[in-house]
């Protein structure tokens, strides 16, 4: 089964939060309300340098995905 790279999520226990789930490596969930990231991968010390540099890029992609999705809802 093919799944999208990003998925929007919400939960009524977190009323004002919107989550973006990144399904490719490195998998994570970002809370767009406060930019907190929950990594769904285990990293070793070698991965940390690459992860730090890639995190900014992944966050930008997550926000772009969110903006695109919301604009599509607004169009309807």
PDB file of N, CA and C in Angstrom:
ATOM      1  N   UNK A   1       0.842  -1.171   0.000  1.00  0.00           N
ATOM      2  CA  UNK A   1       0.000   0.000   0.000  1.00  0.00           C
ATOM      3  C   UNK A   1       0.894   1.243   0.000  1.00  0.00           C
ATOM      4  N   UNK A   2       0.575   2.169  -0.840  1.00  0.00           N
ATOM      5  CA  UNK A   2       1.285   3.442  -0.858  1.00  0.00           C
ATOM      6  C   UNK A   2       0.630   4.387   0.134  1.00  0.00           C
ATOM      7  N   UNK A   3       1.458   5.048   0.930  1.00  0.00           N
ATOM      8  CA  UNK A   3       0.929   6.044   1.867  1.00  0.00           C
ATOM      9  C   UNK A   3       1.610   7.377   1.594  1.00  0.00           C
ATOM     10  N   UNK A   4       0.920   8.477   1.906  1.00  0.00           N
ATOM     11  CA  UNK A   4       1.508   9.793   1.650  1.00  0.00           C
ATOM     12  C   UNK A   4       2.676  10.080   2.584  1.00  0.00           C
ATOM     13  N   UNK A   5       3.538  10.969   2.141  1.00  0.00           N
ATOM     14  CA  UNK A   5       4.702  11.355   2.934  1.00  0.00           C
ATOM     15  C   UNK A   5       4.287  12.116   4.190  1.00  0.00           C
ATOM     16  N   UNK A   6       3.241  12.923   4.100  1.00  0.00           N
ATOM     17  CA  UNK A   6       2.719  13.689   5.226  1.00  0.00           C
ATOM     18  C   UNK A   6       1.241  13.405   5.393  1.00  0.00           C
ATOM     19  N   UNK A   7       0.782  13.397   6.650  1.00  0.00           N
ATOM     20  CA  UNK A   7      -0.629  13.197   6.980  1.00  0.00           C
ATOM     21  C   UNK A   7      -0.995  14.227   8.040  1.00  0.00           C
ATOM     22  N   UNK A   8      -2.168  14.869   7.888  1.00  0.00           N
ATOM     23  CA  UNK A   8      -2.679  15.769   8.915  1.00  0.00           C
ATOM     24  C   UNK A   8      -3.387  14.965   9.982  1.00  0.00           C
ATOM     25  N   UNK A   9      -3.283  15.404  11.232  1.00  0.00           N
ATOM     26  CA  UNK A   9      -3.973  14.730  12.314  1.00  0.00           C
ATOM     27  C   UNK A   9      -4.437  15.720  13.361  1.00  0.00           C
ATOM     28  N   UNK A  10      -5.536  15.379  14.010  1.00  0.00           N
ATOM     29  CA  UNK A  10      -5.993  16.159  15.156  1.00  0.00           C
ATOM     30  C   UNK A  10      -6.540  15.201  16.199  1.00  0.00           C
ATOM     31  N   UNK A  11      -6.780  15.738  17.382  1.00  0.00           N
ATOM     32  CA  UNK A  11      -7.257  14.919  18.486  1.00  0.00           C
ATOM     33  C   UNK A  11      -8.006  15.843  19.425  1.00  0.00           C
ATOM     34  N   UNK A  12      -9.208  15.459  19.826  1.00  0.00           N
ATOM     35  CA  UNK A  12     -10.019  16.327  20.685  1.00  0.00           C
ATOM     36  C   UNK A  12      -9.414  16.512  22.069  1.00  0.00           C
ATOM     37  N   UNK A  13      -8.464  15.669  22.466  1.00  0.00           N
ATOM     38  CA  UNK A  13      -7.783  15.876  23.740  1.00  0.00           C
ATOM     39  C   UNK A  13      -6.801  17.047  23.675  1.00  0.00           C
ATOM     40  N   UNK A  14      -6.462  17.463  22.472  1.00  0.00           N
ATOM     41  CA  UNK A  14      -5.565  18.597  22.237  1.00  0.00           C
ATOM     42  C   UNK A  14      -6.319  19.580  21.345  1.00  0.00           C
ATOM     43  N   UNK A  15      -7.229  20.330  21.930  1.00  0.00           N
ATOM     44  CA  UNK A  15      -8.212  21.102  21.174  1.00  0.00           C
ATOM     45  C   UNK A  15      -7.626  22.066  20.152  1.00  0.00           C
ATOM     46  N   UNK A  16      -6.542  22.746  20.473  1.00  0.00           N
ATOM     47  CA  UNK A  16      -6.019  23.749  19.545  1.00  0.00           C
ATOM     48  C   UNK A  16      -4.835  23.246  18.727  1.00  0.00           C
ATOM     49  N   UNK A  17      -4.438  22.007  18.935  1.00  0.00           N
ATOM     50  CA  UNK A  17      -3.266  21.472  18.248  1.00  0.00           C
ATOM     51  C   UNK A  17      -3.648  20.824  16.922  1.00  0.00           C
ATOM     52  N   UNK A  18      -2.781  20.995  15.964  1.00  0.00           N
ATOM     53  CA  UNK A  18      -2.870  20.290  14.688  1.00  0.00           C
ATOM     54  C   UNK A  18      -1.532  19.590  14.507  1.00  0.00           C
ATOM     55  N   UNK A  19      -1.587  18.337  14.117  1.00  0.00           N
ATOM     56  CA  UNK A  19      -0.389  17.531  13.976  1.00  0.00           C
ATOM     57  C   UNK A  19      -0.142  17.205  12.512  1.00  0.00           C
ATOM     58  N   UNK A  20       1.132  17.171  12.147  1.00  0.00           N
ATOM     59  CA  UNK A  20       1.540  16.652  10.849  1.00  0.00           C
ATOM     60  C   UNK A  20       2.407  15.439  11.136  1.00  0.00           C
ATOM     61  N   UNK A  21       2.047  14.322  10.519  1.00  0.00           N
ATOM     62  CA  UNK A  21       2.781  13.079  10.679  1.00  0.00           C
ATOM     63  C   UNK A  21       3.623  12.865   9.437  1.00  0.00           C
ATOM     64  N   UNK A  22       4.925  12.688   9.631  1.00  0.00           N
ATOM     65  CA  UNK A  22       5.845  12.421   8.528  1.00  0.00           C
ATOM     66  C   UNK A  22       6.089  10.915   8.510  1.00  0.00           C
ATOM     67  N   UNK A  23       5.767  10.268   7.403  1.00  0.00           N
ATOM     68  CA  UNK A  23       5.792   8.805   7.344  1.00  0.00           C
ATOM     69  C   UNK A  23       7.069   8.213   6.760  1.00  0.00           C
ATOM     70  N   UNK A  24       7.907   9.047   6.149  1.00  0.00           N
ATOM     71  CA  UNK A  24       9.196   8.581   5.627  1.00  0.00           C
ATOM     72  C   UNK A  24      10.245   8.689   6.728  1.00  0.00           C
ATOM     73  N   UNK A  25      11.397   8.035   6.490  1.00  0.00           N
ATOM     74  CA  UNK A  25      12.491   8.169   7.448  1.00  0.00           C
ATOM     75  C   UNK A  25      13.063   9.570   7.394  1.00  0.00           C
ATOM     76  N   UNK A  26      13.289  10.203   8.477  1.00  0.00           N
ATOM     77  CA  UNK A  26      12.974   9.795   9.833  1.00  0.00           C
ATOM     78  C   UNK A  26      11.516  10.130  10.167  1.00  0.00           C
ATOM     79  N   UNK A  27      10.797   9.168  10.661  1.00  0.00           N
ATOM     80  CA  UNK A  27       9.380   9.361  10.974  1.00  0.00           C
ATOM     81  C   UNK A  27       9.238  10.226  12.224  1.00  0.00           C
ATOM     82  N   UNK A  28       8.250  11.133  12.181  1.00  0.00           N
ATOM     83  CA  UNK A  28       8.004  11.998  13.333  1.00  0.00           C
ATOM     84  C   UNK A  28       6.595  12.550  13.271  1.00  0.00           C
ATOM     85  N   UNK A  29       6.189  13.120  14.403  1.00  0.00           N
ATOM     86  CA  UNK A  29       4.936  13.870  14.495  1.00  0.00           C
ATOM     87  C   UNK A  29       5.314  15.248  15.006  1.00  0.00           C
ATOM     88  N   UNK A  30       4.829  16.287  14.320  1.00  0.00           N
ATOM     89  CA  UNK A  30       5.083  17.654  14.773  1.00  0.00           C
ATOM     90  C   UNK A  30       3.755  18.279  15.176  1.00  0.00           C
ATOM     91  N   UNK A  31       3.764  18.923  16.325  1.00  0.00           N
ATOM     92  CA  UNK A  31       2.611  19.673  16.799  1.00  0.00           C
ATOM     93  C   UNK A  31       2.791  21.096  16.280  1.00  0.00           C
ATOM     94  N   UNK A  32       1.953  21.521  15.353  1.00  0.00           N
ATOM     95  CA  UNK A  32       2.115  22.833  14.740  1.00  0.00           C
ATOM     96  C   UNK A  32       1.775  23.970  15.692  1.00  0.00           C
ATOM     97  N   UNK A  33       1.101  23.654  16.784  1.00  0.00           N
ATOM     98  CA  UNK A  33       0.766  24.685  17.771  1.00  0.00           C
ATOM     99  C   UNK A  33       2.020  25.207  18.468  1.00  0.00           C
ATOM    100  N   UNK A  34       2.966  24.302  18.776  1.00  0.00           N
ATOM    101  CA  UNK A  34       4.145  24.720  19.535  1.00  0.00           C
ATOM    102  C   UNK A  34       5.468  24.201  18.955  1.00  0.00           C
ATOM    103  N   UNK A  35       5.422  23.613  17.760  1.00  0.00           N
ATOM    104  CA  UNK A  35       6.602  23.111  17.049  1.00  0.00           C
ATOM    105  C   UNK A  35       7.325  21.971  17.762  1.00  0.00           C
ATOM    106  N   UNK A  36       6.667  21.312  18.699  1.00  0.00           N
ATOM    107  CA  UNK A  36       7.293  20.164  19.340  1.00  0.00           C
ATOM    108  C   UNK A  36       7.291  18.984  18.384  1.00  0.00           C
ATOM    109  N   UNK A  37       8.403  18.258  18.370  1.00  0.00           N
ATOM    110  CA  UNK A  37       8.540  17.095  17.502  1.00  0.00           C
ATOM    111  C   UNK A  37       8.694  15.851  18.360  1.00  0.00           C
ATOM    112  N   UNK A  38       7.949  14.835  18.008  1.00  0.00           N
ATOM    113  CA  UNK A  38       8.101  13.521  18.621  1.00  0.00           C
ATOM    114  C   UNK A  38       8.663  12.604  17.549  1.00  0.00           C
ATOM    115  N   UNK A  39       9.896  12.167  17.725  1.00  0.00           N
ATOM    116  CA  UNK A  39      10.545  11.293  16.762  1.00  0.00           C
ATOM    117  C   UNK A  39      10.062   9.867  16.969  1.00  0.00           C
ATOM    118  N   UNK A  40       9.780   9.174  15.904  1.00  0.00           N
ATOM    119  CA  UNK A  40       9.319   7.797  15.953  1.00  0.00           C
ATOM    120  C   UNK A  40      10.432   6.835  15.560  1.00  0.00           C
ATOM    121  N   UNK A  41      11.657   7.319  15.634  1.00  0.00           N
ATOM    122  CA  UNK A  41      12.847   6.542  15.291  1.00  0.00           C
ATOM    123  C   UNK A  41      13.813   6.607  16.471  1.00  0.00           C
ATOM    124  N   UNK A  42      14.660   5.638  16.551  1.00  0.00           N
ATOM    125  CA  UNK A  42      15.780   5.679  17.493  1.00  0.00           C
ATOM    126  C   UNK A  42      17.020   6.093  16.708  1.00  0.00           C
ATOM    127  N   UNK A  43      17.763   7.038  17.259  1.00  0.00           N
ATOM    128  CA  UNK A  43      18.948   7.555  16.577  1.00  0.00           C
ATOM    129  C   UNK A  43      20.186   7.263  17.413  1.00  0.00           C
ATOM    130  N   UNK A  44      21.292   7.064  16.717  1.00  0.00           N
ATOM    131  CA  UNK A  44      22.555   6.934  17.421  1.00  0.00           C
ATOM    132  C   UNK A  44      23.351   8.233  17.240  1.00  0.00           C
ATOM    133  N   UNK A  45      24.499   8.302  17.873  1.00  0.00           N
ATOM    134  CA  UNK A  45      25.295   9.529  17.845  1.00  0.00           C
ATOM    135  C   UNK A  45      25.680   9.936  16.422  1.00  0.00           C
ATOM    136  N   UNK A  46      25.904   8.973  15.548  1.00  0.00           N
ATOM    137  CA  UNK A  46      26.266   9.281  14.156  1.00  0.00           C
ATOM    138  C   UNK A  46      25.132  10.019  13.449  1.00  0.00           C
ATOM    139  N   UNK A  47      23.901   9.684  13.776  1.00  0.00           N
ATOM    140  CA  UNK A  47      22.746  10.279  13.108  1.00  0.00           C
ATOM    141  C   UNK A  47      22.458  11.698  13.574  1.00  0.00           C
ATOM    142  N   UNK A  48      22.935  12.063  14.748  1.00  0.00           N
ATOM    143  CA  UNK A  48      22.548  13.342  15.342  1.00  0.00           C
ATOM    144  C   UNK A  48      22.926  14.543  14.483  1.00  0.00           C
ATOM    145  N   UNK A  49      24.119  14.580  13.934  1.00  0.00           N
ATOM    146  CA  UNK A  49      24.537  15.722  13.121  1.00  0.00           C
ATOM    147  C   UNK A  49      23.644  15.885  11.905  1.00  0.00           C
ATOM    148  N   UNK A  50      23.381  14.788  11.211  1.00  0.00           N
ATOM    149  CA  UNK A  50      22.512  14.847  10.047  1.00  0.00           C
ATOM    150  C   UNK A  50      21.094  15.222  10.446  1.00  0.00           C
ATOM    151  N   UNK A  51      20.630  14.708  11.566  1.00  0.00           N
ATOM    152  CA  UNK A  51      19.283  14.987  12.039  1.00  0.00           C
ATOM    153  C   UNK A  51      19.094  16.468  12.338  1.00  0.00           C
ATOM    154  N   UNK A  52      20.083  17.080  12.971  1.00  0.00           N
ATOM    155  CA  UNK A  52      19.996  18.499  13.293  1.00  0.00           C
ATOM    156  C   UNK A  52      19.865  19.323  12.020  1.00  0.00           C
ATOM    157  N   UNK A  53      20.657  19.022  11.021  1.00  0.00           N
ATOM    158  CA  UNK A  53      20.604  19.796   9.782  1.00  0.00           C
ATOM    159  C   UNK A  53      19.333  19.512   8.988  1.00  0.00           C
ATOM    160  N   UNK A  54      18.822  18.305   9.075  1.00  0.00           N
ATOM    161  CA  UNK A  54      17.633  17.930   8.308  1.00  0.00           C
ATOM    162  C   UNK A  54      16.338  18.379   8.980  1.00  0.00           C
ATOM    163  N   UNK A  55      16.357  18.580  10.289  1.00  0.00           N
ATOM    164  CA  UNK A  55      15.134  18.931  11.025  1.00  0.00           C
ATOM    165  C   UNK A  55      14.508  20.208  10.496  1.00  0.00           C
ATOM    166  N   UNK A  56      15.305  21.234  10.273  1.00  0.00           N
ATOM    167  CA  UNK A  56      14.761  22.506   9.768  1.00  0.00           C
ATOM    168  C   UNK A  56      14.074  22.284   8.427  1.00  0.00           C
ATOM    169  N   UNK A  57      14.697  21.550   7.545  1.00  0.00           N
ATOM    170  CA  UNK A  57      14.133  21.261   6.234  1.00  0.00           C
ATOM    171  C   UNK A  57      12.817  20.489   6.368  1.00  0.00           C
ATOM    172  N   UNK A  58      12.789  19.488   7.220  1.00  0.00           N
ATOM    173  CA  UNK A  58      11.574  18.690   7.408  1.00  0.00           C
ATOM    174  C   UNK A  58      10.443  19.521   8.002  1.00  0.00           C
ATOM    175  N   UNK A  59      10.771  20.412   8.929  1.00  0.00           N
ATOM    176  CA  UNK A  59       9.739  21.279   9.505  1.00  0.00           C
ATOM    177  C   UNK A  59       9.165  22.208   8.438  1.00  0.00           C
ATOM    178  N   UNK A  60      10.004  22.761   7.585  1.00  0.00           N
ATOM    179  CA  UNK A  60       9.523  23.615   6.499  1.00  0.00           C
ATOM    180  C   UNK A  60       8.603  22.835   5.570  1.00  0.00           C
ATOM    181  N   UNK A  61       8.982  21.603   5.242  1.00  0.00           N
ATOM    182  CA  UNK A  61       8.139  20.765   4.391  1.00  0.00           C
ATOM    183  C   UNK A  61       6.798  20.477   5.061  1.00  0.00           C
ATOM    184  N   UNK A  62       6.809  20.231   6.362  1.00  0.00           N
ATOM    185  CA  UNK A  62       5.575  19.950   7.098  1.00  0.00           C
ATOM    186  C   UNK A  62       4.645  21.164   7.062  1.00  0.00           C
ATOM    187  N   UNK A  63       5.198  22.355   7.269  1.00  0.00           N
ATOM    188  CA  UNK A  63       4.381  23.576   7.217  1.00  0.00           C
ATOM    189  C   UNK A  63       3.866  23.842   5.805  1.00  0.00           C
ATOM    190  N   UNK A  64       4.679  23.604   4.795  1.00  0.00           N
ATOM    191  CA  UNK A  64       4.220  23.770   3.417  1.00  0.00           C
ATOM    192  C   UNK A  64       3.081  22.803   3.104  1.00  0.00           C
ATOM    193  N   UNK A  65       3.214  21.575   3.562  1.00  0.00           N
ATOM    194  CA  UNK A  65       2.153  20.588   3.377  1.00  0.00           C
ATOM    195  C   UNK A  65       0.877  21.067   4.056  1.00  0.00           C
ATOM    196  N   UNK A  66       0.978  21.525   5.297  1.00  0.00           N
ATOM    197  CA  UNK A  66      -0.196  22.008   6.023  1.00  0.00           C
ATOM    198  C   UNK A  66      -0.855  23.174   5.272  1.00  0.00           C
ATOM    199  N   UNK A  67      -0.066  24.149   4.863  1.00  0.00           N
ATOM    200  CA  UNK A  67      -0.607  25.304   4.131  1.00  0.00           C
ATOM    201  C   UNK A  67      -1.308  24.872   2.853  1.00  0.00           C
ATOM    202  N   UNK A  68      -0.717  23.937   2.123  1.00  0.00           N
ATOM    203  CA  UNK A  68      -1.324  23.444   0.887  1.00  0.00           C
ATOM    204  C   UNK A  68      -2.653  22.754   1.173  1.00  0.00           C
ATOM    205  N   UNK A  69      -2.676  21.912   2.181  1.00  0.00           N
ATOM    206  CA  UNK A  69      -3.901  21.186   2.506  1.00  0.00           C
ATOM    207  C   UNK A  69      -5.016  22.138   2.937  1.00  0.00           C
ATOM    208  N   UNK A  70      -4.687  23.110   3.779  1.00  0.00           N
ATOM    209  CA  UNK A  70      -5.697  24.058   4.237  1.00  0.00           C
ATOM    210  C   UNK A  70      -6.208  24.897   3.084  1.00  0.00           C
ATOM    211  N   UNK A  71      -5.329  25.292   2.162  1.00  0.00           N
ATOM    212  CA  UNK A  71      -5.788  26.073   1.008  1.00  0.00           C
ATOM    213  C   UNK A  71      -6.740  25.256   0.143  1.00  0.00           C
ATOM    214  N   UNK A  72      -6.524  23.957   0.077  1.00  0.00           N
ATOM    215  CA  UNK A  72      -7.433  23.088  -0.688  1.00  0.00           C
ATOM    216  C   UNK A  72      -8.791  22.990  -0.007  1.00  0.00           C
ATOM    217  N   UNK A  73      -8.828  22.966   1.321  1.00  0.00           N
ATOM    218  CA  UNK A  73     -10.112  22.974   2.032  1.00  0.00           C
ATOM    219  C   UNK A  73     -10.841  24.281   1.794  1.00  0.00           C
ATOM    220  N   UNK A  74     -10.073  25.397   1.820  1.00  0.00           N
ATOM    221  CA  UNK A  74     -10.676  26.705   1.615  1.00  0.00           C
ATOM    222  C   UNK A  74     -11.261  26.860   0.217  1.00  0.00           C
ATOM    223  N   UNK A  75     -10.684  26.187  -0.766  1.00  0.00           N
ATOM    224  CA  UNK A  75     -11.171  26.267  -2.140  1.00  0.00           C
ATOM    225  C   UNK A  75     -12.539  25.627  -2.315  1.00  0.00           C
ATOM    226  N   UNK A  76     -12.840  24.652  -1.475  1.00  0.00           N
ATOM    227  CA  UNK A  76     -14.111  23.921  -1.609  1.00  0.00           C
ATOM    228  C   UNK A  76     -15.246  24.659  -1.060  1.00  0.00           C
TER     229      UNK A  76
END
